[in-house]
PDB file of N, CA and C in Angstrom:
ATOM      1  N   MET A   1     -17.267  17.893  -8.112  1.00  0.00           N
ATOM      2  CA  MET A   1     -15.879  17.674  -7.780  1.00  0.00           C
ATOM      3  C   MET A   1     -15.714  16.396  -6.942  1.00  0.00           C
ATOM      4  N   VAL A   2     -16.588  16.205  -5.971  1.00  0.00           N
ATOM      5  CA  VAL A   2     -16.499  15.021  -5.111  1.00  0.00           C
ATOM      6  C   VAL A   2     -16.756  13.751  -5.926  1.00  0.00           C
ATOM      7  N   ALA A   3     -17.724  13.813  -6.830  1.00  0.00           N
ATOM      8  CA  ALA A   3     -18.019  12.644  -7.670  1.00  0.00           C
ATOM      9  C   ALA A   3     -16.816  12.286  -8.537  1.00  0.00           C
ATOM     10  N   ARG A   4     -16.145  13.297  -9.058  1.00  0.00           N
ATOM     11  CA  ARG A   4     -14.955  13.048  -9.880  1.00  0.00           C
ATOM     12  C   ARG A   4     -13.843  12.446  -9.025  1.00  0.00           C
ATOM     13  N   LEU A   5     -13.675  12.961  -7.800  1.00  0.00           N
ATOM     14  CA  LEU A   5     -12.683  12.412  -6.874  1.00  0.00           C
ATOM     15  C   LEU A   5     -12.979  10.940  -6.595  1.00  0.00           C
ATOM     16  N   HIS A   6     -14.238  10.631  -6.304  1.00  0.00           N
ATOM     17  CA  HIS A   6     -14.616   9.247  -6.008  1.00  0.00           C
ATOM     18  C   HIS A   6     -14.354   8.343  -7.207  1.00  0.00           C
ATOM     19  N   SER A   7     -14.679   8.821  -8.382  1.00  0.00           N
ATOM     20  CA  SER A   7     -14.426   8.035  -9.590  1.00  0.00           C
ATOM     21  C   SER A   7     -12.937   7.758  -9.756  1.00  0.00           C
ATOM     22  N   ASN A   8     -12.125   8.786  -9.562  1.00  0.00           N
ATOM     23  CA  ASN A   8     -10.672   8.617  -9.681  1.00  0.00           C
ATOM     24  C   ASN A   8     -10.128   7.669  -8.611  1.00  0.00           C
ATOM     25  N   LEU A   9     -10.645   7.771  -7.402  1.00  0.00           N
ATOM     26  CA  LEU A   9     -10.193   6.890  -6.328  1.00  0.00           C
ATOM     27  C   LEU A   9     -10.592   5.438  -6.594  1.00  0.00           C
ATOM     28  N   HIS A  10     -11.787   5.246  -7.133  1.00  0.00           N
ATOM     29  CA  HIS A  10     -12.200   3.886  -7.505  1.00  0.00           C
ATOM     30  C   HIS A  10     -11.270   3.335  -8.587  1.00  0.00           C
ATOM     31  N   ASN A  11     -10.904   4.177  -9.543  1.00  0.00           N
ATOM     32  CA  ASN A  11      -9.974   3.748 -10.596  1.00  0.00           C
ATOM     33  C   ASN A  11      -8.622   3.366 -10.006  1.00  0.00           C
ATOM     34  N   VAL A  12      -8.159   4.140  -9.037  1.00  0.00           N
ATOM     35  CA  VAL A  12      -6.875   3.837  -8.396  1.00  0.00           C
ATOM     36  C   VAL A  12      -6.928   2.463  -7.732  1.00  0.00           C
ATOM     37  N   THR A  13      -7.989   2.203  -6.979  1.00  0.00           N
ATOM     38  CA  THR A  13      -8.072   0.912  -6.293  1.00  0.00           C
ATOM     39  C   THR A  13      -8.167  -0.248  -7.286  1.00  0.00           C
ATOM     40  N   GLN A  14      -8.902  -0.055  -8.365  1.00  0.00           N
ATOM     41  CA  GLN A  14      -8.989  -1.106  -9.387  1.00  0.00           C
ATOM     42  C   GLN A  14      -7.636  -1.349 -10.038  1.00  0.00           C
ATOM     43  N   ASN A  15      -6.925  -0.276 -10.347  1.00  0.00           N
ATOM     44  CA  ASN A  15      -5.610  -0.416 -10.977  1.00  0.00           C
ATOM     45  C   ASN A  15      -4.605  -1.073 -10.037  1.00  0.00           C
ATOM     46  N   ILE A  16      -4.656  -0.724  -8.758  1.00  0.00           N
ATOM     47  CA  ILE A  16      -3.776  -1.372  -7.777  1.00  0.00           C
ATOM     48  C   ILE A  16      -4.055  -2.873  -7.748  1.00  0.00           C
ATOM     49  N   TYR A  17      -5.325  -3.232  -7.753  1.00  0.00           N
ATOM     50  CA  TYR A  17      -5.698  -4.650  -7.747  1.00  0.00           C
ATOM     51  C   TYR A  17      -5.134  -5.370  -8.972  1.00  0.00           C
ATOM     52  N   HIS A  18      -5.328  -4.781 -10.149  1.00  0.00           N
ATOM     53  CA  HIS A  18      -4.874  -5.428 -11.381  1.00  0.00           C
ATOM     54  C   HIS A  18      -3.351  -5.545 -11.441  1.00  0.00           C
ATOM     55  N   VAL A  19      -2.653  -4.501 -11.044  1.00  0.00           N
ATOM     56  CA  VAL A  19      -1.185  -4.546 -11.065  1.00  0.00           C
ATOM     57  C   VAL A  19      -0.673  -5.576 -10.062  1.00  0.00           C
ATOM     58  N   THR A  20      -1.296  -5.627  -8.896  1.00  0.00           N
ATOM     59  CA  THR A  20      -0.888  -6.610  -7.894  1.00  0.00           C
ATOM     60  C   THR A  20      -1.088  -8.029  -8.412  1.00  0.00           C
ATOM     61  N   ARG A  21      -2.200  -8.264  -9.093  1.00  0.00           N
ATOM     62  CA  ARG A  21      -2.445  -9.597  -9.678  1.00  0.00           C
ATOM     63  C   ARG A  21      -1.385  -9.942 -10.724  1.00  0.00           C
ATOM     64  N   LEU A  22      -1.016  -8.969 -11.554  1.00  0.00           N
ATOM     65  CA  LEU A  22       0.037  -9.205 -12.545  1.00  0.00           C
ATOM     66  C   LEU A  22       1.361  -9.532 -11.868  1.00  0.00           C
ATOM     67  N   MET A  23       1.660  -8.794 -10.814  1.00  0.00           N
ATOM     68  CA  MET A  23       2.909  -9.029 -10.095  1.00  0.00           C
ATOM     69  C   MET A  23       2.896 -10.393  -9.413  1.00  0.00           C
ATOM     70  N   GLU A  24       1.741 -10.805  -8.907  1.00  0.00           N
ATOM     71  CA  GLU A  24       1.638 -12.133  -8.300  1.00  0.00           C
ATOM     72  C   GLU A  24       1.946 -13.224  -9.320  1.00  0.00           C
ATOM     73  N   SER A  25       1.478 -13.044 -10.535  1.00  0.00           N
ATOM     74  CA  SER A  25       1.761 -14.061 -11.552  1.00  0.00           C
ATOM     75  C   SER A  25       3.245 -14.085 -11.884  1.00  0.00           C
ATOM     76  N   ASP A  26       3.902 -12.924 -11.873  1.00  0.00           N
ATOM     77  CA  ASP A  26       5.356 -12.883 -12.067  1.00  0.00           C
ATOM     78  C   ASP A  26       6.070 -13.569 -10.908  1.00  0.00           C
ATOM     79  N   ALA A  27       5.571 -13.352  -9.699  1.00  0.00           N
ATOM     80  CA  ALA A  27       6.183 -13.980  -8.522  1.00  0.00           C
ATOM     81  C   ALA A  27       6.034 -15.494  -8.602  1.00  0.00           C
ATOM     82  N   ASP A  28       4.889 -15.942  -9.083  1.00  0.00           N
ATOM     83  CA  ASP A  28       4.674 -17.386  -9.237  1.00  0.00           C
ATOM     84  C   ASP A  28       5.625 -17.985 -10.268  1.00  0.00           C
ATOM     85  N   ASP A  29       6.019 -17.173 -11.250  1.00  0.00           N
ATOM     86  CA  ASP A  29       6.967 -17.629 -12.277  1.00  0.00           C
ATOM     87  C   ASP A  29       8.416 -17.523 -11.807  1.00  0.00           C
ATOM     88  N   GLY A  30       8.619 -17.008 -10.595  1.00  0.00           N
ATOM     89  CA  GLY A  30       9.965 -16.876 -10.052  1.00  0.00           C
ATOM     90  C   GLY A  30      10.660 -15.587 -10.441  1.00  0.00           C
ATOM     91  N   ASN A  31       9.925 -14.639 -11.030  1.00  0.00           N
ATOM     92  CA  ASN A  31      10.523 -13.384 -11.478  1.00  0.00           C
ATOM     93  C   ASN A  31      10.551 -12.306 -10.397  1.00  0.00           C
ATOM     94  N   LEU A  32       9.927 -12.574  -9.260  1.00  0.00           N
ATOM     95  CA  LEU A  32       9.871 -11.591  -8.182  1.00  0.00           C
ATOM     96  C   LEU A  32      10.015 -12.330  -6.860  1.00  0.00           C
ATOM     97  N   ASP A  33      10.807 -11.769  -5.977  1.00  0.00           N
ATOM     98  CA  ASP A  33      11.022 -12.354  -4.657  1.00  0.00           C
ATOM     99  C   ASP A  33       9.705 -12.371  -3.877  1.00  0.00           C
ATOM    100  N   LYS A  34       9.423 -13.483  -3.209  1.00  0.00           N
ATOM    101  CA  LYS A  34       8.177 -13.631  -2.435  1.00  0.00           C
ATOM    102  C   LYS A  34       8.072 -12.584  -1.326  1.00  0.00           C
ATOM    103  N   GLY A  35       9.201 -12.243  -0.698  1.00  0.00           N
ATOM    104  CA  GLY A  35       9.196 -11.218   0.342  1.00  0.00           C
ATOM    105  C   GLY A  35       8.814  -9.859  -0.215  1.00  0.00           C
ATOM    106  N   GLN A  36       9.347  -9.539  -1.385  1.00  0.00           N
ATOM    107  CA  GLN A  36       8.991  -8.282  -2.045  1.00  0.00           C
ATOM    108  C   GLN A  36       7.508  -8.262  -2.379  1.00  0.00           C
ATOM    109  N   MET A  37       7.011  -9.388  -2.849  1.00  0.00           N
ATOM    110  CA  MET A  37       5.602  -9.468  -3.222  1.00  0.00           C
ATOM    111  C   MET A  37       4.707  -9.255  -2.015  1.00  0.00           C
ATOM    112  N   GLU A  38       5.047  -9.827  -0.884  1.00  0.00           N
ATOM    113  CA  GLU A  38       4.249  -9.629   0.333  1.00  0.00           C
ATOM    114  C   GLU A  38       4.251  -8.163   0.753  1.00  0.00           C
ATOM    115  N   LYS A  39       5.408  -7.521   0.663  1.00  0.00           N
ATOM    116  CA  LYS A  39       5.508  -6.092   1.008  1.00  0.00           C
ATOM    117  C   LYS A  39       4.625  -5.264   0.079  1.00  0.00           C
ATOM    118  N   ILE A  40       4.673  -5.564  -1.206  1.00  0.00           N
ATOM    119  CA  ILE A  40       3.858  -4.838  -2.179  1.00  0.00           C
ATOM    120  C   ILE A  40       2.375  -5.059  -1.897  1.00  0.00           C
ATOM    121  N   LYS A  41       1.991  -6.294  -1.600  1.00  0.00           N
ATOM    122  CA  LYS A  41       0.592  -6.581  -1.297  1.00  0.00           C
ATOM    123  C   LYS A  41       0.131  -5.846  -0.046  1.00  0.00           C
ATOM    124  N   ASN A  42       0.981  -5.793   0.975  1.00  0.00           N
ATOM    125  CA  ASN A  42       0.633  -5.058   2.199  1.00  0.00           C
ATOM    126  C   ASN A  42       0.489  -3.570   1.925  1.00  0.00           C
ATOM    127  N   ASP A  43       1.408  -3.017   1.141  1.00  0.00           N
ATOM    128  CA  ASP A  43       1.319  -1.601   0.782  1.00  0.00           C
ATOM    129  C   ASP A  43       0.058  -1.319  -0.030  1.00  0.00           C
ATOM    130  N   ALA A  44      -0.250  -2.198  -0.972  1.00  0.00           N
ATOM    131  CA  ALA A  44      -1.449  -2.027  -1.793  1.00  0.00           C
ATOM    132  C   ALA A  44      -2.705  -2.072  -0.929  1.00  0.00           C
ATOM    133  N   GLU A  45      -2.719  -2.968   0.040  1.00  0.00           N
ATOM    134  CA  GLU A  45      -3.864  -3.054   0.943  1.00  0.00           C
ATOM    135  C   GLU A  45      -4.002  -1.778   1.770  1.00  0.00           C
ATOM    136  N   SER A  46      -2.892  -1.243   2.253  1.00  0.00           N
ATOM    137  CA  SER A  46      -2.926  -0.001   3.037  1.00  0.00           C
ATOM    138  C   SER A  46      -3.451   1.159   2.204  1.00  0.00           C
ATOM    139  N   ILE A  47      -2.996   1.241   0.973  1.00  0.00           N
ATOM    140  CA  ILE A  47      -3.463   2.306   0.076  1.00  0.00           C
ATOM    141  C   ILE A  47      -4.960   2.156  -0.180  1.00  0.00           C
ATOM    142  N   THR A  48      -5.408   0.937  -0.387  1.00  0.00           N
ATOM    143  CA  THR A  48      -6.826   0.694  -0.654  1.00  0.00           C
ATOM    144  C   THR A  48      -7.681   1.058   0.551  1.00  0.00           C
ATOM    145  N   VAL A  49      -7.250   0.685   1.740  1.00  0.00           N
ATOM    146  CA  VAL A  49      -8.001   1.029   2.956  1.00  0.00           C
ATOM    147  C   VAL A  49      -8.070   2.544   3.125  1.00  0.00           C
ATOM    148  N   ALA A  50      -6.963   3.224   2.909  1.00  0.00           N
ATOM    149  CA  ALA A  50      -6.955   4.687   3.014  1.00  0.00           C
ATOM    150  C   ALA A  50      -7.873   5.313   1.967  1.00  0.00           C
ATOM    151  N   THR A  51      -7.901   4.744   0.784  1.00  0.00           N
ATOM    152  CA  THR A  51      -8.762   5.252  -0.284  1.00  0.00           C
ATOM    153  C   THR A  51     -10.231   5.083   0.078  1.00  0.00           C
ATOM    154  N   VAL A  52     -10.584   3.933   0.616  1.00  0.00           N
ATOM    155  CA  VAL A  52     -11.973   3.697   1.029  1.00  0.00           C
ATOM    156  C   VAL A  52     -12.364   4.676   2.131  1.00  0.00           C
ATOM    157  N   ARG A  53     -11.475   4.911   3.060  1.00  0.00           N
ATOM    158  CA  ARG A  53     -11.756   5.896   4.127  1.00  0.00           C
ATOM    159  C   ARG A  53     -11.974   7.282   3.539  1.00  0.00           C
ATOM    160  N   LEU A  54     -11.130   7.649   2.593  1.00  0.00           N
ATOM    161  CA  LEU A  54     -11.256   8.963   1.959  1.00  0.00           C
ATOM    162  C   LEU A  54     -12.586   9.077   1.221  1.00  0.00           C
ATOM    163  N   ILE A  55     -12.978   8.033   0.520  1.00  0.00           N
ATOM    164  CA  ILE A  55     -14.274   8.049  -0.170  1.00  0.00           C
ATOM    165  C   ILE A  55     -15.401   8.206   0.846  1.00  0.00           C
ATOM    166  N   TYR A  56     -15.335   7.450   1.934  1.00  0.00           N
ATOM    167  CA  TYR A  56     -16.373   7.525   2.960  1.00  0.00           C
ATOM    168  C   TYR A  56     -16.446   8.927   3.570  1.00  0.00           C
ATOM    169  N   MET A  57     -15.298   9.469   3.935  1.00  0.00           N
ATOM    170  CA  MET A  57     -15.275  10.786   4.582  1.00  0.00           C
ATOM    171  C   MET A  57     -15.740  11.891   3.637  1.00  0.00           C
ATOM    172  N   THR A  58     -15.366  11.807   2.378  1.00  0.00           N
ATOM    173  CA  THR A  58     -15.746  12.862   1.435  1.00  0.00           C
ATOM    174  C   THR A  58     -17.159  12.675   0.893  1.00  0.00           C
ATOM    175  N   SER A  59     -17.768  11.520   1.134  1.00  0.00           N
ATOM    176  CA  SER A  59     -19.138  11.314   0.654  1.00  0.00           C
ATOM    177  C   SER A  59     -20.119  12.219   1.389  1.00  0.00           C
ATOM    178  N   LYS A  60     -19.702  12.745   2.523  1.00  0.00           N
ATOM    179  CA  LYS A  60     -20.557  13.641   3.302  1.00  0.00           C
ATOM    180  C   LYS A  60     -20.480  15.080   2.806  1.00  0.00           C
ATOM    181  N   LEU A  61     -19.519  15.371   1.936  1.00  0.00           N
ATOM    182  CA  LEU A  61     -19.379  16.715   1.382  1.00  0.00           C
ATOM    183  C   LEU A  61     -20.396  16.932   0.275  1.00  0.00           C
ATOM    184  N   LYS A  62     -20.803  18.123   0.129  1.00  0.00           N
ATOM    185  CA  LYS A  62     -21.759  18.465  -0.941  1.00  0.00           C
ATOM    186  C   LYS A  62     -21.048  19.134  -2.075  1.00  0.00           C
TER     187      LYS A  62
END
C-alpha cells in the first residue's frame, strides 16, 4: 500500500511539473497573466514540498 501511495505521489509531482511548464509557455505567449502564473507556481511548489514530506514520513511505515 505504501509503495502504491509513493508511486501515485511521484506521479502527482511529475504531472504538476509538466502542467506548470505548459502554463509557463502560455504565459510567455501572453495567454496568462504573469501574476496568476506566479501564484500557480507557488501553489505547485507548496504541493510538491508537502508531497515530498508525505513520502518521507510514510517511508518509515511497513
